[in-house]
């Protein structure tokens, strides 16, 4: 056939190369593989499952803390910072099973010690929209993640503190917060603001708070959609703290979509004491500095300036940043 029609061979080859390039561009700019998982599982009524060390799968509510510890695959560790990954899936029919088998959905866990790292808000002048990657590069950060929600014009929704000064107004009664007082970071419900003495050095108002004193708030299960899309399966980001002050982030990775109850239960099994959600959905971005160079995650397009809603560029005004403490500060602390 190709001998009689040599043009056909070259046409098929060109089509194949074009398809490969299109897939590569889709993955680079739109996180294509991850969002294919989203399309196949977002309407599922089944619960997220986590792959255990020996290959079995369990729902977060059925896991023991020991199960969860053993299920984590280490990605990076240095003094005061550890990044691990959970393999997850969700039953949602044959298409979802095939797509998840191909792309291996993940949830990431990042734990950071305040003894080794400083926590802060990170943003550009006048809250110009930016990305986690840009914040990491410009401020020499070890970790950064989206913080507040934003309004349609890109302004942050909720109070923001930086260098001891409030630089953005509160938004309603939103229940969660991250803040630093006396050099120590906190994350959880807004009631912590009154319980922890001192002025706010750094901080953001976020939503919703999900846990206090190791107890998930009842509305997370009973009224998940009354004040927020709690039952929606999407990209999620949680910031919490353990009793010893260690900060814990639970983050959707590629295809690791969760509802609020699922991400909250994972945090509880990680011995998180207080916790709140951060901005998620298509806006979710975070960056981690590793020995091999920085690693970046973006749920959707951050690079191409489309104005069409389904393709629009996802850039946020406010990020939470983490920077390694200077050696002289560590010496003083000792």
Protein backbone atom coordinates (compact mmCIF):
# COMPACT_ATOMS: atom_id res chain seq x y z
CA UNK A 1 0.00 0.00 0.00
CA UNK A 2 2.80 2.44 0.91
CA UNK A 3 4.65 1.58 -2.32
CA UNK A 4 1.69 2.65 -4.40
CA UNK A 5 0.91 5.64 -2.21
CA UNK A 6 4.16 6.89 -0.62
CA UNK A 7 2.42 10.11 0.41
CA UNK A 8 0.16 8.07 2.72
CA UNK A 9 3.11 6.91 4.83
CA UNK A 10 4.33 10.46 5.30
CA UNK A 11 0.81 11.69 6.05
CA UNK A 12 0.37 9.06 8.76
CA UNK A 13 3.78 9.85 10.21
CA UNK A 14 2.99 13.57 10.25
CA UNK A 15 -0.35 12.88 11.91
CA UNK A 16 1.34 10.71 14.56
CA UNK A 17 3.99 13.36 15.26
CA UNK A 18 1.27 16.01 15.45
CA UNK A 19 -0.71 13.93 17.94
CA UNK A 20 2.34 13.37 20.12
CA UNK A 21 3.20 17.08 20.08
CA UNK A 22 -0.41 18.01 20.86
CA UNK A 23 -0.48 15.64 23.85
CA UNK A 24 2.85 17.00 25.09
CA UNK A 25 1.59 20.59 24.76
CA UNK A 26 -1.66 19.69 26.51
CA UNK A 27 0.26 18.14 29.40
CA UNK A 28 2.69 21.06 29.65
CA UNK A 29 0.13 23.85 29.53
CA UNK A 30 -3.09 22.25 30.82
CA UNK A 31 -2.01 19.30 33.02
CA UNK A 32 -3.86 17.10 30.54
CA UNK A 33 -3.36 13.66 32.11
CA UNK A 34 -4.48 14.82 35.52
CA UNK A 35 -7.54 16.56 34.15
CA UNK A 36 -8.52 13.47 32.18
CA UNK A 37 -8.70 11.71 35.55
CA UNK A 38 -10.83 14.59 36.86
CA UNK A 39 -13.29 14.28 33.97
CA UNK A 40 -13.77 10.55 34.58
CA UNK A 41 -14.15 10.61 38.39
CA UNK A 42 -15.76 13.97 39.24
CA UNK A 43 -19.32 12.57 39.23
CA UNK A 44 -18.47 9.42 41.16
CA UNK A 45 -20.34 8.66 44.37
CA UNK A 46 -17.60 6.30 45.55
CA UNK A 47 -15.01 7.19 48.16
CA UNK A 48 -11.32 7.76 47.51
CA UNK A 49 -9.10 4.73 48.15
CA UNK A 50 -5.44 4.69 49.17
CA UNK A 51 -2.99 2.00 48.11
CA UNK A 52 -1.36 0.25 51.04
CA UNK A 53 2.21 -0.98 51.18
CA UNK A 54 1.31 -4.53 50.13
CA UNK A 55 -1.01 -3.47 47.31
CA UNK A 56 -4.44 -3.54 48.95
CA UNK A 57 -6.70 -0.47 48.80
CA UNK A 58 -8.52 1.17 51.72
CA UNK A 59 -10.76 4.20 52.20
CA UNK A 60 -9.34 6.95 54.46
CA UNK A 61 -11.88 6.15 57.19
CA UNK A 62 -10.69 2.53 57.29
CA UNK A 63 -6.99 3.34 57.50
CA UNK A 64 -5.01 3.17 60.70
CA UNK A 65 -2.27 5.77 61.23
CA UNK A 66 0.23 2.93 60.80
CA UNK A 67 -1.36 2.00 57.45
CA UNK A 68 -1.03 5.58 56.26
CA UNK A 69 2.57 5.89 57.42
CA UNK A 70 3.55 2.71 55.57
CA UNK A 71 1.67 3.74 52.41
CA UNK A 72 3.72 6.90 51.91
CA UNK A 73 6.46 6.74 49.27
CA UNK A 74 9.29 9.15 50.03
CA UNK A 75 10.04 11.72 47.33
CA UNK A 76 12.43 14.06 49.13
CA UNK A 77 13.77 14.57 52.66
CA UNK A 78 16.17 17.07 54.18
CA UNK A 79 16.63 18.44 57.67
CA UNK A 80 13.21 19.81 58.69
CA UNK A 81 11.30 19.02 55.47
CA UNK A 82 9.83 15.80 54.09
CA UNK A 83 7.75 15.18 50.96
CA UNK A 84 5.91 11.88 50.48
CA UNK A 85 3.30 10.55 48.07
CA UNK A 86 0.21 8.36 48.36
CA UNK A 87 -1.13 6.38 45.41
CA UNK A 88 -4.90 6.76 45.22
CA UNK A 89 -7.87 5.85 43.01
CA UNK A 90 -11.64 6.06 42.88
CA UNK A 91 -14.15 3.64 41.37
CA UNK A 92 -16.12 5.38 38.63
CA UNK A 93 -16.63 2.89 35.81
CA UNK A 94 -14.42 1.33 33.15
CA UNK A 95 -13.14 4.58 31.61
CA UNK A 96 -12.03 5.89 34.99
CA UNK A 97 -10.35 2.58 35.79
CA UNK A 98 -8.34 2.68 32.54
CA UNK A 99 -7.38 6.35 32.88
CA UNK A 100 -6.30 5.95 36.50
CA UNK A 101 -4.29 2.82 35.66
CA UNK A 102 -2.46 4.81 32.97
CA UNK A 103 -1.76 7.96 34.95
CA UNK A 104 -1.48 6.81 38.59
CA UNK A 105 -3.31 9.48 40.67
CA UNK A 106 -1.38 10.85 43.64
CA UNK A 107 -1.84 12.81 46.86
CA UNK A 108 1.23 14.56 48.29
CA UNK A 109 2.11 15.18 51.93
CA UNK A 110 4.65 17.84 52.88
CA UNK A 111 5.75 18.19 56.51
CA UNK A 112 7.88 21.16 57.59
CA UNK A 113 9.50 21.99 60.92
CA UNK A 114 9.22 25.63 62.09
CA UNK A 115 12.52 25.13 63.90
CA UNK A 116 14.24 24.99 60.52
CA UNK A 117 11.98 27.12 58.33
CA UNK A 118 10.26 30.52 58.40
CA UNK A 119 6.67 30.90 57.17
CA UNK A 120 5.30 34.02 55.47
CA UNK A 121 2.85 35.45 52.96
CA UNK A 122 4.26 36.02 49.48
CA UNK A 123 2.87 38.38 46.86
CA UNK A 124 3.74 41.04 44.32
CA UNK A 125 3.16 44.81 44.68
CA UNK A 126 -0.53 45.73 44.35
CA UNK A 127 -1.35 42.01 44.47
CA UNK A 128 -0.42 41.52 40.82
CA UNK A 129 -1.28 37.97 39.78
CA UNK A 130 1.61 35.52 39.92
CA UNK A 131 2.41 31.81 40.22
CA UNK A 132 3.93 29.50 42.81
CA UNK A 133 6.93 29.02 40.54
CA UNK A 134 7.49 32.78 40.25
CA UNK A 135 7.19 33.27 44.02
CA UNK A 136 9.72 30.50 44.68
CA UNK A 137 12.22 31.96 42.23
CA UNK A 138 11.86 35.59 43.32
CA UNK A 139 11.98 34.99 47.10
CA UNK A 140 14.29 31.96 47.33
CA UNK A 141 11.56 29.82 48.90
CA UNK A 142 11.72 26.10 49.71
CA UNK A 143 7.95 25.63 49.44
CA UNK A 144 5.06 27.79 48.28
CA UNK A 145 1.32 27.15 47.79
CA UNK A 146 -1.79 29.11 46.87
CA UNK A 147 -3.43 30.73 49.89
CA UNK A 148 -6.57 32.92 49.72
CA UNK A 149 -9.38 32.66 47.24
CA UNK A 150 -9.54 35.51 44.71
CA UNK A 151 -12.41 37.54 43.30
CA UNK A 152 -13.12 37.75 39.53
CA UNK A 153 -10.77 40.75 39.24
CA UNK A 154 -7.95 38.82 40.89
CA UNK A 155 -8.01 40.57 44.28
CA UNK A 156 -7.44 38.37 47.35
CA UNK A 157 -10.56 37.54 49.37
CA UNK A 158 -9.78 37.77 53.08
CA UNK A 159 -7.32 39.52 55.35
CA UNK A 160 -3.62 39.34 54.63
CA UNK A 161 -0.78 40.29 56.99
CA UNK A 162 2.84 40.82 56.00
CA UNK A 163 5.69 42.13 58.17
CA UNK A 164 3.21 42.86 60.96
CA UNK A 165 0.92 45.02 58.81
CA UNK A 166 -2.56 44.10 57.56
CA UNK A 167 -2.47 44.74 53.81
CA UNK A 168 -5.92 43.41 52.81
CA UNK A 169 -9.35 43.58 54.44
CA UNK A 170 -11.28 40.65 55.99
CA UNK A 171 -13.89 38.80 53.96
CA UNK A 172 -17.09 37.95 55.81
CA UNK A 173 -16.88 35.30 58.50
CA UNK A 174 -14.60 32.88 56.71
CA UNK A 175 -13.53 30.37 59.29
CA UNK A 176 -9.94 29.36 58.56
CA UNK A 177 -6.58 31.03 58.91
CA UNK A 178 -2.83 30.70 58.66
CA UNK A 179 -0.81 33.08 60.82
CA UNK A 180 2.56 33.58 62.42
CA UNK A 181 2.88 34.99 65.95
CA UNK A 182 6.21 35.32 67.73
CA UNK A 183 7.90 33.45 64.88
CA UNK A 184 5.66 30.37 65.22
CA UNK A 185 3.25 29.37 62.41
CA UNK A 186 -0.30 28.26 63.12
CA UNK A 187 -3.04 26.86 60.87
CA UNK A 188 -6.66 26.03 61.67
CA UNK A 189 -9.89 27.72 62.77
CA UNK A 190 -10.05 31.47 63.43
CA UNK A 191 -10.59 30.82 67.15
CA UNK A 192 -6.83 30.20 67.37
CA UNK A 193 -6.26 33.91 66.71
CA UNK A 194 -7.71 34.76 70.13
CA UNK A 195 -6.19 31.79 71.93
CA UNK A 196 -2.62 32.49 70.79
CA UNK A 197 -1.32 35.72 72.36
CA UNK A 198 0.54 38.39 70.43
CA UNK A 199 0.30 40.34 67.22
CA UNK A 200 0.07 38.74 63.77
CA UNK A 201 3.35 38.95 61.88
CA UNK A 202 2.24 37.07 58.76
CA UNK A 203 -1.09 35.51 57.83
CA UNK A 204 -4.06 34.94 55.55
CA UNK A 205 -7.77 34.33 56.04
CA UNK A 206 -8.86 31.12 54.29
CA UNK A 207 -11.90 28.82 54.12
CA UNK A 208 -13.19 26.55 55.48
CA UNK A 209 -11.56 25.44 58.73
CA UNK A 210 -11.98 21.68 59.01
CA UNK A 211 -10.50 20.51 62.31
CA UNK A 212 -9.63 21.53 65.85
CA UNK A 213 -8.03 19.40 68.57
CA UNK A 214 -7.97 16.33 66.30
CA UNK A 215 -11.76 16.54 65.75
CA UNK A 216 -13.23 17.17 62.30
CA UNK A 217 -16.05 19.71 62.48
CA UNK A 218 -19.52 18.09 62.08
CA UNK A 219 -20.53 20.31 59.15
CA UNK A 220 -17.81 18.71 56.99
CA UNK A 221 -19.90 15.52 56.85
CA UNK A 222 -23.41 16.73 57.71
CA UNK A 223 -23.64 19.92 55.63
CA UNK A 224 -20.78 19.79 53.13
CA UNK A 225 -22.57 21.85 50.47
CA UNK A 226 -24.46 24.39 52.58
CA UNK A 227 -21.63 26.93 52.73
CA UNK A 228 -19.01 25.44 50.39
CA UNK A 229 -18.74 22.72 47.73
CA UNK A 230 -17.59 20.18 50.24
CA UNK A 231 -18.76 17.08 48.40
CA UNK A 232 -17.27 18.20 45.07
CA UNK A 233 -14.44 15.98 43.83
CA UNK A 234 -11.70 18.39 42.80
CA UNK A 235 -8.17 19.57 43.52
CA UNK A 236 -7.79 20.16 47.27
CA UNK A 237 -5.17 21.77 49.52
CA UNK A 238 -5.08 21.51 53.32
CA UNK A 239 -2.72 23.15 55.81
CA UNK A 240 -2.61 21.82 59.35
CA UNK A 241 -0.37 21.55 62.38
CA UNK A 242 0.55 18.86 64.84
CA UNK A 243 0.72 19.36 68.58
CA UNK A 244 4.51 19.72 68.42
CA UNK A 245 4.16 22.60 65.92
CA UNK A 246 5.10 20.67 62.78
CA UNK A 247 3.21 22.04 59.78
CA UNK A 248 1.53 19.50 57.49
CA UNK A 249 0.26 20.10 53.96
CA UNK A 250 -2.01 17.55 52.25
CA UNK A 251 -2.19 18.33 48.51
CA UNK A 252 -3.85 16.92 45.44
CA UNK A 253 -1.24 15.75 42.96
CA UNK A 254 -1.86 14.64 39.39
CA UNK A 255 -5.29 13.00 39.41
CA UNK A 256 -5.46 12.98 43.22
CA UNK A 257 -8.90 14.58 43.44
CA UNK A 258 -10.70 14.67 46.80
CA UNK A 259 -13.72 16.06 48.58
CA UNK A 260 -13.40 17.96 51.86
CA UNK A 261 -14.26 14.99 54.08
CA UNK A 262 -11.60 12.80 52.43
CA UNK A 263 -8.73 15.28 52.70
CA UNK A 264 -9.75 16.08 56.30
CA UNK A 265 -9.72 12.41 57.27
CA UNK A 266 -6.28 11.90 55.73
CA UNK A 267 -5.03 14.86 57.79
CA UNK A 268 -6.58 13.42 60.97
CA UNK A 269 -4.84 10.09 60.39
CA UNK A 270 -1.58 12.04 59.99
CA UNK A 271 -2.01 13.22 63.60
CA UNK A 272 -2.92 16.78 62.58
CA UNK A 273 -4.36 18.73 65.52
CA UNK A 274 -5.82 21.82 63.77
CA UNK A 275 -6.43 22.30 60.04
CA UNK A 276 -7.97 24.49 57.37
CA UNK A 277 -8.36 24.30 53.62
CA UNK A 278 -6.50 26.64 51.29
CA UNK A 279 -7.57 27.65 47.79
CA UNK A 280 -7.94 24.63 45.53
CA UNK A 281 -9.74 23.67 42.33
CA UNK A 282 -8.13 24.82 39.10
CA UNK A 283 -6.27 27.55 41.03
CA UNK A 284 -4.15 25.09 43.01
CA UNK A 285 -0.40 25.53 42.57
CA UNK A 286 2.57 24.63 44.70
CA UNK A 287 6.33 24.33 44.34
CA UNK A 288 8.88 22.32 46.32
CA UNK A 289 12.64 22.81 46.26
CA UNK A 290 14.52 19.49 46.14
CA UNK A 291 18.10 18.30 45.71
CA UNK A 292 17.39 17.79 42.00
CA UNK A 293 15.97 21.29 41.56
CA UNK A 294 12.52 22.78 42.10
CA UNK A 295 9.41 20.69 41.37
CA UNK A 296 6.22 22.51 40.35
CA UNK A 297 2.55 21.52 40.30
CA UNK A 298 -0.26 23.48 38.65
CA UNK A 299 -3.77 22.06 38.37
CA UNK A 300 -4.43 23.97 35.16
CA UNK A 301 -3.06 26.52 32.71
CA UNK A 302 -0.82 29.17 34.28
CA UNK A 303 1.12 30.17 31.15
CA UNK A 304 -1.24 30.95 28.25
CA UNK A 305 -3.34 34.16 28.51
CA UNK A 306 -6.68 32.79 27.32
CA UNK A 307 -9.74 34.86 28.29
CA UNK A 308 -12.27 32.12 27.58
CA UNK A 309 -13.50 30.86 30.95
CA UNK A 310 -12.87 27.18 30.27
CA UNK A 311 -9.25 27.84 29.33
CA UNK A 312 -8.40 31.00 31.26
CA UNK A 313 -5.03 31.46 32.89
CA UNK A 314 -4.89 30.50 36.55
CA UNK A 315 -2.73 32.96 38.49
CA UNK A 316 -3.29 33.98 42.10
CA UNK A 317 -2.41 37.06 44.17
CA UNK A 318 -1.35 35.50 47.51
CA UNK A 319 0.80 32.49 48.39
CA UNK A 320 2.09 30.97 51.59
CA UNK A 321 5.86 30.81 51.41
CA UNK A 322 8.40 28.80 53.39
CA UNK A 323 12.10 29.70 53.51
CA UNK A 324 14.98 27.91 55.23
CA UNK A 325 16.26 29.83 58.24
CA UNK A 326 19.68 31.41 57.98
CA UNK A 327 22.49 29.49 59.76
CA UNK A 328 23.03 32.33 62.24
CA UNK A 329 19.36 32.16 63.27
CA UNK A 330 19.63 28.41 63.93
CA UNK A 331 22.76 29.00 66.01
CA UNK A 332 20.96 31.65 68.08
CA UNK A 333 17.99 29.35 68.66
CA UNK A 334 20.27 26.64 70.07
